[in-house]
Amino acid sequence: MKNMLTIDRRVAVVAAIVVAVTLVVLAILVSNGAAAQDHASSMIEYGL
C-alpha cells in the first residue's frame, strides 16, 4: 500500500506541474499579441 500511495503522490505532482506549465504557456501566447484569438483569450480568462 505504501508503494501505491507514493505512486499516486508522484502522479498528482506531475499532473499539477503539467497543468501549471500549460497555463503559463497559454498566458505567454495570449500576452504575445494574439489579437485574432479574442475568443480563446476570453475563455482562458474565465478558466483562470
PDB file of N, CA and C in Angstrom:
ATOM      1  N   MET A   1       0.828  -1.208   0.000  1.00  0.00           N
ATOM      2  CA  MET A   1       0.000   0.000   0.000  1.00  0.00           C
ATOM      3  C   MET A   1       0.869   1.266   0.000  1.00  0.00           C
ATOM      4  N   LYS A   2       1.981   1.211   0.702  1.00  0.00           N
ATOM      5  CA  LYS A   2       2.846   2.394   0.740  1.00  0.00           C
ATOM      6  C   LYS A   2       3.351   2.740  -0.660  1.00  0.00           C
ATOM      7  N   ASN A   3       3.695   1.709  -1.429  1.00  0.00           N
ATOM      8  CA  ASN A   3       4.174   1.968  -2.781  1.00  0.00           C
ATOM      9  C   ASN A   3       3.082   2.626  -3.622  1.00  0.00           C
ATOM     10  N   MET A   4       1.846   2.164  -3.475  1.00  0.00           N
ATOM     11  CA  MET A   4       0.742   2.739  -4.243  1.00  0.00           C
ATOM     12  C   MET A   4       0.550   4.208  -3.856  1.00  0.00           C
ATOM     13  N   LEU A   5       0.629   4.516  -2.583  1.00  0.00           N
ATOM     14  CA  LEU A   5       0.452   5.906  -2.153  1.00  0.00           C
ATOM     15  C   LEU A   5       1.562   6.787  -2.730  1.00  0.00           C
ATOM     16  N   THR A   6       2.784   6.275  -2.726  1.00  0.00           N
ATOM     17  CA  THR A   6       3.896   7.042  -3.275  1.00  0.00           C
ATOM     18  C   THR A   6       3.678   7.303  -4.758  1.00  0.00           C
ATOM     19  N   ILE A   7       3.243   6.281  -5.487  1.00  0.00           N
ATOM     20  CA  ILE A   7       2.998   6.451  -6.923  1.00  0.00           C
ATOM     21  C   ILE A   7       1.885   7.472  -7.144  1.00  0.00           C
ATOM     22  N   ASP A   8       0.819   7.386  -6.346  1.00  0.00           N
ATOM     23  CA  ASP A   8      -0.282   8.331  -6.505  1.00  0.00           C
ATOM     24  C   ASP A   8       0.195   9.758  -6.259  1.00  0.00           C
ATOM     25  N   ARG A   9       1.036   9.938  -5.248  1.00  0.00           N
ATOM     26  CA  ARG A   9       1.530  11.286  -4.968  1.00  0.00           C
ATOM     27  C   ARG A   9       2.381  11.796  -6.117  1.00  0.00           C
ATOM     28  N   ARG A  10       3.232  10.928  -6.659  1.00  0.00           N
ATOM     29  CA  ARG A  10       4.075  11.342  -7.783  1.00  0.00           C
ATOM     30  C   ARG A  10       3.217  11.719  -8.984  1.00  0.00           C
ATOM     31  N   VAL A  11       2.193  10.916  -9.255  1.00  0.00           N
ATOM     32  CA  VAL A  11       1.305  11.220 -10.383  1.00  0.00           C
ATOM     33  C   VAL A  11       0.612  12.550 -10.159  1.00  0.00           C
ATOM     34  N   ALA A  12       0.171  12.803  -8.937  1.00  0.00           N
ATOM     35  CA  ALA A  12      -0.520  14.064  -8.639  1.00  0.00           C
ATOM     36  C   ALA A  12       0.426  15.242  -8.838  1.00  0.00           C
ATOM     37  N   VAL A  13       1.674  15.096  -8.379  1.00  0.00           N
ATOM     38  CA  VAL A  13       2.649  16.185  -8.535  1.00  0.00           C
ATOM     39  C   VAL A  13       2.934  16.430 -10.008  1.00  0.00           C
ATOM     40  N   VAL A  14       3.125  15.354 -10.776  1.00  0.00           N
ATOM     41  CA  VAL A  14       3.395  15.502 -12.208  1.00  0.00           C
ATOM     42  C   VAL A  14       2.218  16.172 -12.907  1.00  0.00           C
ATOM     43  N   ALA A  15       1.001  15.749 -12.563  1.00  0.00           N
ATOM     44  CA  ALA A  15      -0.188  16.340 -13.179  1.00  0.00           C
ATOM     45  C   ALA A  15      -0.269  17.829 -12.851  1.00  0.00           C
ATOM     46  N   ALA A  16       0.014  18.192 -11.603  1.00  0.00           N
ATOM     47  CA  ALA A  16      -0.029  19.605 -11.209  1.00  0.00           C
ATOM     48  C   ALA A  16       1.005  20.412 -11.987  1.00  0.00           C
ATOM     49  N   ILE A  17       2.202  19.841 -12.154  1.00  0.00           N
ATOM     50  CA  ILE A  17       3.255  20.546 -12.901  1.00  0.00           C
ATOM     51  C   ILE A  17       2.832  20.735 -14.354  1.00  0.00           C
ATOM     52  N   VAL A  18       2.250  19.688 -14.948  1.00  0.00           N
ATOM     53  CA  VAL A  18       1.825  19.775 -16.351  1.00  0.00           C
ATOM     54  C   VAL A  18       0.769  20.862 -16.508  1.00  0.00           C
ATOM     55  N   VAL A  19      -0.204  20.904 -15.591  1.00  0.00           N
ATOM     56  CA  VAL A  19      -1.252  21.924 -15.668  1.00  0.00           C
ATOM     57  C   VAL A  19      -0.654  23.322 -15.517  1.00  0.00           C
ATOM     58  N   ALA A  20       0.262  23.483 -14.571  1.00  0.00           N
ATOM     59  CA  ALA A  20       0.870  24.792 -14.348  1.00  0.00           C
ATOM     60  C   ALA A  20       1.642  25.250 -15.582  1.00  0.00           C
ATOM     61  N   VAL A  21       2.429  24.341 -16.161  1.00  0.00           N
ATOM     62  CA  VAL A  21       3.208  24.695 -17.350  1.00  0.00           C
ATOM     63  C   VAL A  21       2.274  25.060 -18.502  1.00  0.00           C
ATOM     64  N   THR A  22       1.182  24.298 -18.654  1.00  0.00           N
ATOM     65  CA  THR A  22       0.229  24.588 -19.730  1.00  0.00           C
ATOM     66  C   THR A  22      -0.375  25.979 -19.560  1.00  0.00           C
ATOM     67  N   LEU A  23      -0.757  26.324 -18.337  1.00  0.00           N
ATOM     68  CA  LEU A  23      -1.342  27.644 -18.099  1.00  0.00           C
ATOM     69  C   LEU A  23      -0.321  28.739 -18.384  1.00  0.00           C
ATOM     70  N   VAL A  24       0.930  28.524 -17.995  1.00  0.00           N
ATOM     71  CA  VAL A  24       1.969  29.532 -18.248  1.00  0.00           C
ATOM     72  C   VAL A  24       2.164  29.714 -19.748  1.00  0.00           C
ATOM     73  N   VAL A  25       2.223  28.611 -20.485  1.00  0.00           N
ATOM     74  CA  VAL A  25       2.413  28.699 -21.939  1.00  0.00           C
ATOM     75  C   VAL A  25       1.242  29.433 -22.576  1.00  0.00           C
ATOM     76  N   LEU A  26       0.022  29.121 -22.155  1.00  0.00           N
ATOM     77  CA  LEU A  26      -1.147  29.803 -22.713  1.00  0.00           C
ATOM     78  C   LEU A  26      -1.093  31.296 -22.395  1.00  0.00           C
ATOM     79  N   ALA A  27      -0.701  31.635 -21.182  1.00  0.00           N
ATOM     80  CA  ALA A  27      -0.614  33.049 -20.802  1.00  0.00           C
ATOM     81  C   ALA A  27       0.418  33.770 -21.666  1.00  0.00           C
ATOM     82  N   ILE A  28       1.554  33.117 -21.911  1.00  0.00           N
ATOM     83  CA  ILE A  28       2.597  33.740 -22.743  1.00  0.00           C
ATOM     84  C   ILE A  28       2.082  33.936 -24.169  1.00  0.00           C
ATOM     85  N   LEU A  29       1.414  32.925 -24.708  1.00  0.00           N
ATOM     86  CA  LEU A  29       0.905  33.030 -26.075  1.00  0.00           C
ATOM     87  C   LEU A  29      -0.116  34.160 -26.175  1.00  0.00           C
ATOM     88  N   VAL A  30      -1.000  34.269 -25.194  1.00  0.00           N
ATOM     89  CA  VAL A  30      -2.023  35.315 -25.234  1.00  0.00           C
ATOM     90  C   VAL A  30      -1.375  36.689 -25.099  1.00  0.00           C
ATOM     91  N   SER A  31      -0.372  36.815 -24.218  1.00  0.00           N
ATOM     92  CA  SER A  31       0.263  38.114 -23.990  1.00  0.00           C
ATOM     93  C   SER A  31       1.145  38.513 -25.169  1.00  0.00           C
ATOM     94  N   ASN A  32       1.464  37.576 -26.053  1.00  0.00           N
ATOM     95  CA  ASN A  32       2.302  37.895 -27.212  1.00  0.00           C
ATOM     96  C   ASN A  32       1.493  38.519 -28.345  1.00  0.00           C
ATOM     97  N   GLY A  33       0.292  38.961 -28.058  1.00  0.00           N
ATOM     98  CA  GLY A  33      -0.474  39.686 -29.061  1.00  0.00           C
ATOM     99  C   GLY A  33      -1.303  38.789 -29.948  1.00  0.00           C
ATOM    100  N   ALA A  34      -2.077  37.879 -29.355  1.00  0.00           N
ATOM    101  CA  ALA A  34      -2.966  37.019 -30.140  1.00  0.00           C
ATOM    102  C   ALA A  34      -4.292  37.758 -30.325  1.00  0.00           C
ATOM    103  N   ALA A  35      -4.247  38.845 -31.098  1.00  0.00           N
ATOM    104  CA  ALA A  35      -5.439  39.670 -31.276  1.00  0.00           C
ATOM    105  C   ALA A  35      -6.534  38.905 -32.002  1.00  0.00           C
ATOM    106  N   ALA A  36      -6.147  37.972 -32.850  1.00  0.00           N
ATOM    107  CA  ALA A  36      -7.129  37.206 -33.615  1.00  0.00           C
ATOM    108  C   ALA A  36      -7.769  36.120 -32.772  1.00  0.00           C
ATOM    109  N   GLN A  37      -7.289  35.938 -31.535  1.00  0.00           N
ATOM    110  CA  GLN A  37      -7.824  34.881 -30.684  1.00  0.00           C
ATOM    111  C   GLN A  37      -8.522  35.482 -29.470  1.00  0.00           C
ATOM    112  N   ASP A  38      -9.341  36.506 -29.701  1.00  0.00           N
ATOM    113  CA  ASP A  38     -10.054  37.134 -28.591  1.00  0.00           C
ATOM    114  C   ASP A  38     -10.951  36.123 -27.893  1.00  0.00           C
ATOM    115  N   HIS A  39     -11.597  35.272 -28.684  1.00  0.00           N
ATOM    116  CA  HIS A  39     -12.486  34.276 -28.090  1.00  0.00           C
ATOM    117  C   HIS A  39     -11.696  33.326 -27.202  1.00  0.00           C
ATOM    118  N   ALA A  40     -10.548  32.851 -27.670  1.00  0.00           N
ATOM    119  CA  ALA A  40      -9.727  31.926 -26.890  1.00  0.00           C
ATOM    120  C   ALA A  40      -9.221  32.610 -25.627  1.00  0.00           C
ATOM    121  N   SER A  41      -8.777  33.860 -25.744  1.00  0.00           N
ATOM    122  CA  SER A  41      -8.249  34.554 -24.573  1.00  0.00           C
ATOM    123  C   SER A  41      -9.352  34.768 -23.542  1.00  0.00           C
ATOM    124  N   SER A  42     -10.568  35.075 -23.985  1.00  0.00           N
ATOM    125  CA  SER A  42     -11.666  35.255 -23.036  1.00  0.00           C
ATOM    126  C   SER A  42     -11.991  33.937 -22.345  1.00  0.00           C
ATOM    127  N   MET A  43     -11.904  32.819 -23.086  1.00  0.00           N
ATOM    128  CA  MET A  43     -12.136  31.513 -22.479  1.00  0.00           C
ATOM    129  C   MET A  43     -11.065  31.228 -21.430  1.00  0.00           C
ATOM    130  N   ILE A  44      -9.810  31.579 -21.731  1.00  0.00           N
ATOM    131  CA  ILE A  44      -8.721  31.344 -20.775  1.00  0.00           C
ATOM    132  C   ILE A  44      -8.943  32.197 -19.524  1.00  0.00           C
ATOM    133  N   GLU A  45      -9.387  33.430 -19.708  1.00  0.00           N
ATOM    134  CA  GLU A  45      -9.634  34.286 -18.549  1.00  0.00           C
ATOM    135  C   GLU A  45     -10.722  33.689 -17.667  1.00  0.00           C
ATOM    136  N   TYR A  46     -11.799  33.168 -18.282  1.00  0.00           N
ATOM    137  CA  TYR A  46     -12.843  32.531 -17.485  1.00  0.00           C
ATOM    138  C   TYR A  46     -12.309  31.280 -16.810  1.00  0.00           C
ATOM    139  N   GLY A  47     -11.428  30.547 -17.501  1.00  0.00           N
ATOM    140  CA  GLY A  47     -10.866  29.339 -16.926  1.00  0.00           C
ATOM    141  C   GLY A  47     -10.015  29.642 -15.704  1.00  0.00           C
ATOM    142  N   LEU A  48      -9.274  30.760 -15.761  1.00  0.00           N
ATOM    143  CA  LEU A  48      -8.439  31.123 -14.623  1.00  0.00           C
ATOM    144  C   LEU A  48      -9.294  31.731 -13.528  1.00  0.00           C
TER     145      LEU A  48
END
